[in-house]
Amino acid sequence: MADGPTGNDGDGKWLIGAIGTALAVAAFLGIHNVSQLEDWAKGSSHTAGTPQPTSAFSTTPLFSPAPATTATCSSDPYCGTTHFNAEGTPQFDGDCRTSSDGGCPVSRVFTNNGTETGGATATFTLYKDSNHTDVAATCTAIIPSTPQGGSVTARCTIQTSYDGKVWLRAIPNNPTD
């Protein structure tokens, strides 16, 4: 008779060996029932408190799940928030001399210096004077969701034209501002 899935002559010894091996591995890992196996797989401890296997050279469990780490950032002024800072100078991305060609496209790079991923808005303001008091026009750009330390370019179009010297500012409107 040909070998079948149960071993030589269908004796099933290989199945008994496989089950025995699985039980030995589970016992070595400190798993004695199904709920402990589920808890171990999820990385949580079982309420019955079974001992974890340890090395002969260490008291640290060999296979215990890594503990959850919580970042402590109490000294960070932007702890638990999204906070964008403007980088470099705001840019004119096209000709702004006539409004007939769609307005004045502008952009600026912003970096998330907060500890959380998130987005914000930025206000671009076109000034007629260097003291930033005489506003020609503004637009608001969306700063898309950005992870901590990430940089992104925000863009919008100021719907105006100008003739002469102007100044451009771009300031983030952070969620906590």
Protein backbone atom coordinates (compact mmCIF):
# COMPACT_ATOMS: atom_id res chain seq x y z
CA MET A 1 0.00 0.00 0.00
CA ALA A 2 1.29 3.50 -0.81
CA ASP A 3 2.13 5.98 1.92
CA GLY A 4 -0.86 8.13 2.77
CA PRO A 5 -1.26 11.37 4.70
CA THR A 6 -1.34 9.41 7.96
CA GLY A 7 2.12 7.86 7.52
CA ASN A 8 3.31 4.34 6.69
CA ASP A 9 0.43 1.97 6.21
CA GLY A 10 -1.95 4.57 7.64
CA ASP A 11 -0.72 4.12 11.21
CA GLY A 12 -1.06 7.84 12.14
CA LYS A 13 2.19 7.93 14.17
CA TRP A 14 3.34 11.09 12.40
CA LEU A 15 0.16 12.87 13.57
CA ILE A 16 0.74 11.83 17.18
CA GLY A 17 4.32 13.10 16.92
CA ALA A 18 3.21 16.45 15.48
CA ILE A 19 0.64 16.96 18.23
CA GLY A 20 3.19 16.04 20.89
CA THR A 21 5.70 18.50 19.46
CA ALA A 22 3.09 21.29 19.38
CA LEU A 23 2.14 20.63 23.02
CA ALA A 24 5.81 20.63 24.08
CA VAL A 25 6.43 23.98 22.36
CA ALA A 26 3.29 25.48 23.94
CA ALA A 27 4.35 24.26 27.41
CA PHE A 28 7.82 25.72 26.88
CA LEU A 29 6.21 29.06 26.06
CA GLY A 30 4.07 28.89 29.20
CA ILE A 31 0.86 28.42 27.24
CA HIS A 32 -1.50 25.92 28.86
CA ASN A 33 -4.87 26.73 27.28
CA VAL A 34 -6.43 28.47 24.27
CA SER A 35 -7.10 31.80 26.04
CA GLN A 36 -3.43 32.01 27.06
CA LEU A 37 -2.44 31.34 23.45
CA GLU A 38 -4.73 34.15 22.27
CA ASP A 39 -3.35 36.54 24.92
CA TRP A 40 0.22 35.65 24.02
CA ALA A 41 -0.48 36.22 20.31
CA LYS A 42 -2.03 39.63 21.09
CA GLY A 43 0.91 40.63 23.28
CA SER A 44 -1.10 40.88 26.50
CA SER A 45 -0.74 38.88 29.68
CA HIS A 46 -3.22 36.29 30.88
CA THR A 47 -5.09 37.05 34.09
CA ALA A 48 -4.15 33.68 35.59
CA GLY A 49 -0.51 34.78 35.51
CA THR A 50 1.44 31.87 34.07
CA PRO A 51 5.22 32.07 34.28
CA GLN A 52 7.09 32.99 31.12
CA PRO A 53 9.98 30.79 29.95
CA THR A 54 13.38 32.20 30.75
CA SER A 55 16.91 31.57 29.67
CA ALA A 56 19.35 29.94 32.08
CA PHE A 57 21.46 33.09 31.82
CA SER A 58 18.79 35.73 32.17
CA THR A 59 15.60 36.49 34.04
CA THR A 60 14.17 38.19 30.96
CA PRO A 61 11.42 36.16 29.24
CA LEU A 62 12.58 34.66 25.96
CA PHE A 63 9.38 35.13 23.99
CA SER A 64 7.36 37.71 25.88
CA PRO A 65 5.83 40.41 23.70
CA ALA A 66 7.58 43.76 23.63
CA PRO A 67 6.02 46.19 26.10
CA ALA A 68 4.04 49.05 24.66
CA THR A 69 6.12 52.19 24.66
CA THR A 70 4.57 55.56 25.33
CA ALA A 71 6.60 58.55 24.31
CA THR A 72 7.03 61.05 27.07
CA CYS A 73 7.30 64.52 25.68
CA SER A 74 6.27 66.70 28.59
CA SER A 75 9.30 68.93 28.00
CA ASP A 76 8.39 69.42 24.32
CA PRO A 77 6.38 72.63 23.87
CA TYR A 78 4.33 70.94 21.12
CA CYS A 79 3.73 67.68 23.02
CA GLY A 80 0.57 65.95 21.84
CA THR A 81 -0.07 68.47 19.07
CA THR A 82 0.55 69.17 15.42
CA HIS A 83 2.64 72.33 15.03
CA PHE A 84 3.96 73.69 11.74
CA ASN A 85 6.85 76.11 11.25
CA ALA A 86 7.50 77.95 7.99
CA GLU A 87 10.75 77.07 6.22
CA GLY A 88 12.66 79.41 3.93
CA THR A 89 10.78 82.21 2.23
CA PRO A 90 7.37 82.18 0.55
CA GLN A 91 7.57 81.87 -3.22
CA PHE A 92 5.74 83.41 -6.16
CA ASP A 93 4.99 80.44 -8.43
CA GLY A 94 3.99 82.46 -11.47
CA ASP A 95 3.43 85.90 -12.94
CA CYS A 96 1.26 88.04 -10.68
CA ARG A 97 1.02 91.16 -12.84
CA THR A 98 -2.45 90.42 -14.21
CA SER A 99 -5.43 88.74 -12.62
CA SER A 100 -6.74 87.64 -16.02
CA ASP A 101 -4.36 84.66 -16.03
CA GLY A 102 -5.87 83.15 -12.88
CA GLY A 103 -4.36 85.23 -10.11
CA CYS A 104 -1.07 85.01 -8.26
CA PRO A 105 0.06 81.46 -7.34
CA VAL A 106 2.19 81.28 -4.19
CA SER A 107 3.75 78.52 -2.06
CA ARG A 108 5.88 77.84 1.01
CA VAL A 109 7.39 74.80 2.72
CA PHE A 110 6.15 73.97 6.23
CA THR A 111 7.61 71.43 8.70
CA ASN A 112 5.61 69.64 11.40
CA ASN A 113 7.58 70.14 14.62
CA GLY A 114 4.80 68.74 16.80
CA THR A 115 4.66 65.20 18.16
CA GLU A 116 1.46 64.21 16.32
CA THR A 117 0.59 63.65 12.67
CA GLY A 118 -1.85 66.21 11.36
CA GLY A 119 -2.57 69.11 9.07
CA ALA A 120 -3.33 72.81 9.30
CA THR A 121 -3.81 75.85 7.09
CA ALA A 122 -1.54 78.72 6.14
CA THR A 123 -2.45 82.30 5.31
CA PHE A 124 -0.54 83.93 2.46
CA THR A 125 -0.73 87.72 2.52
CA LEU A 126 0.39 90.11 -0.22
CA TYR A 127 1.39 93.50 1.21
CA LYS A 128 1.83 96.81 -0.60
CA ASP A 129 4.40 98.07 1.93
CA SER A 130 7.45 96.69 3.72
CA ASN A 131 5.87 97.32 7.15
CA HIS A 132 3.23 94.69 6.36
CA THR A 133 0.35 97.02 7.14
CA ASP A 134 -1.27 97.69 3.74
CA VAL A 135 -2.80 94.39 2.61
CA ALA A 136 -3.36 93.90 -1.12
CA ALA A 137 -4.97 90.44 -0.86
CA THR A 138 -4.77 87.06 0.87
CA CYS A 139 -5.42 83.38 0.28
CA THR A 140 -5.57 80.35 2.55
CA ALA A 141 -3.72 77.13 1.73
CA ILE A 142 -4.28 73.69 3.18
CA ILE A 143 -1.26 72.08 4.83
CA PRO A 144 -2.02 68.38 4.31
CA SER A 145 -1.65 65.78 7.05
CA THR A 146 2.05 65.41 7.76
CA PRO A 147 3.89 63.13 10.22
CA GLN A 148 6.17 64.44 12.96
CA GLY A 149 9.30 65.96 11.39
CA GLY A 150 7.80 65.85 7.89
CA SER A 151 7.86 68.78 5.47
CA VAL A 152 5.26 69.68 2.89
CA THR A 153 4.64 72.51 0.42
CA ALA A 154 1.39 74.42 0.80
CA ARG A 155 0.03 76.33 -2.22
CA CYS A 156 -2.79 78.72 -3.01
CA THR A 157 -3.62 81.47 -5.49
CA ILE A 158 -4.08 85.07 -4.43
CA GLN A 159 -6.91 86.41 -6.58
CA THR A 160 -5.45 89.82 -7.43
CA SER A 161 -2.92 91.52 -9.64
CA TYR A 162 -0.33 94.08 -8.65
CA ASP A 163 1.82 96.69 -10.27
CA GLY A 164 4.91 97.70 -8.39
CA LYS A 165 6.77 96.35 -5.40
CA VAL A 166 4.97 93.99 -3.02
CA TRP A 167 5.87 91.79 -0.05
CA LEU A 168 4.63 88.27 0.57
CA ARG A 169 4.23 86.56 3.94
CA ALA A 170 2.98 83.05 4.73
CA ILE A 171 2.09 82.11 8.30
CA PRO A 172 0.81 78.72 9.48
CA ASN A 173 -2.49 78.60 11.36
CA ASN A 174 -1.68 75.76 13.75
CA PRO A 175 -4.58 73.80 15.25
CA THR A 176 -3.65 74.99 18.75
CA ASP A 177 -3.17 78.66 17.80
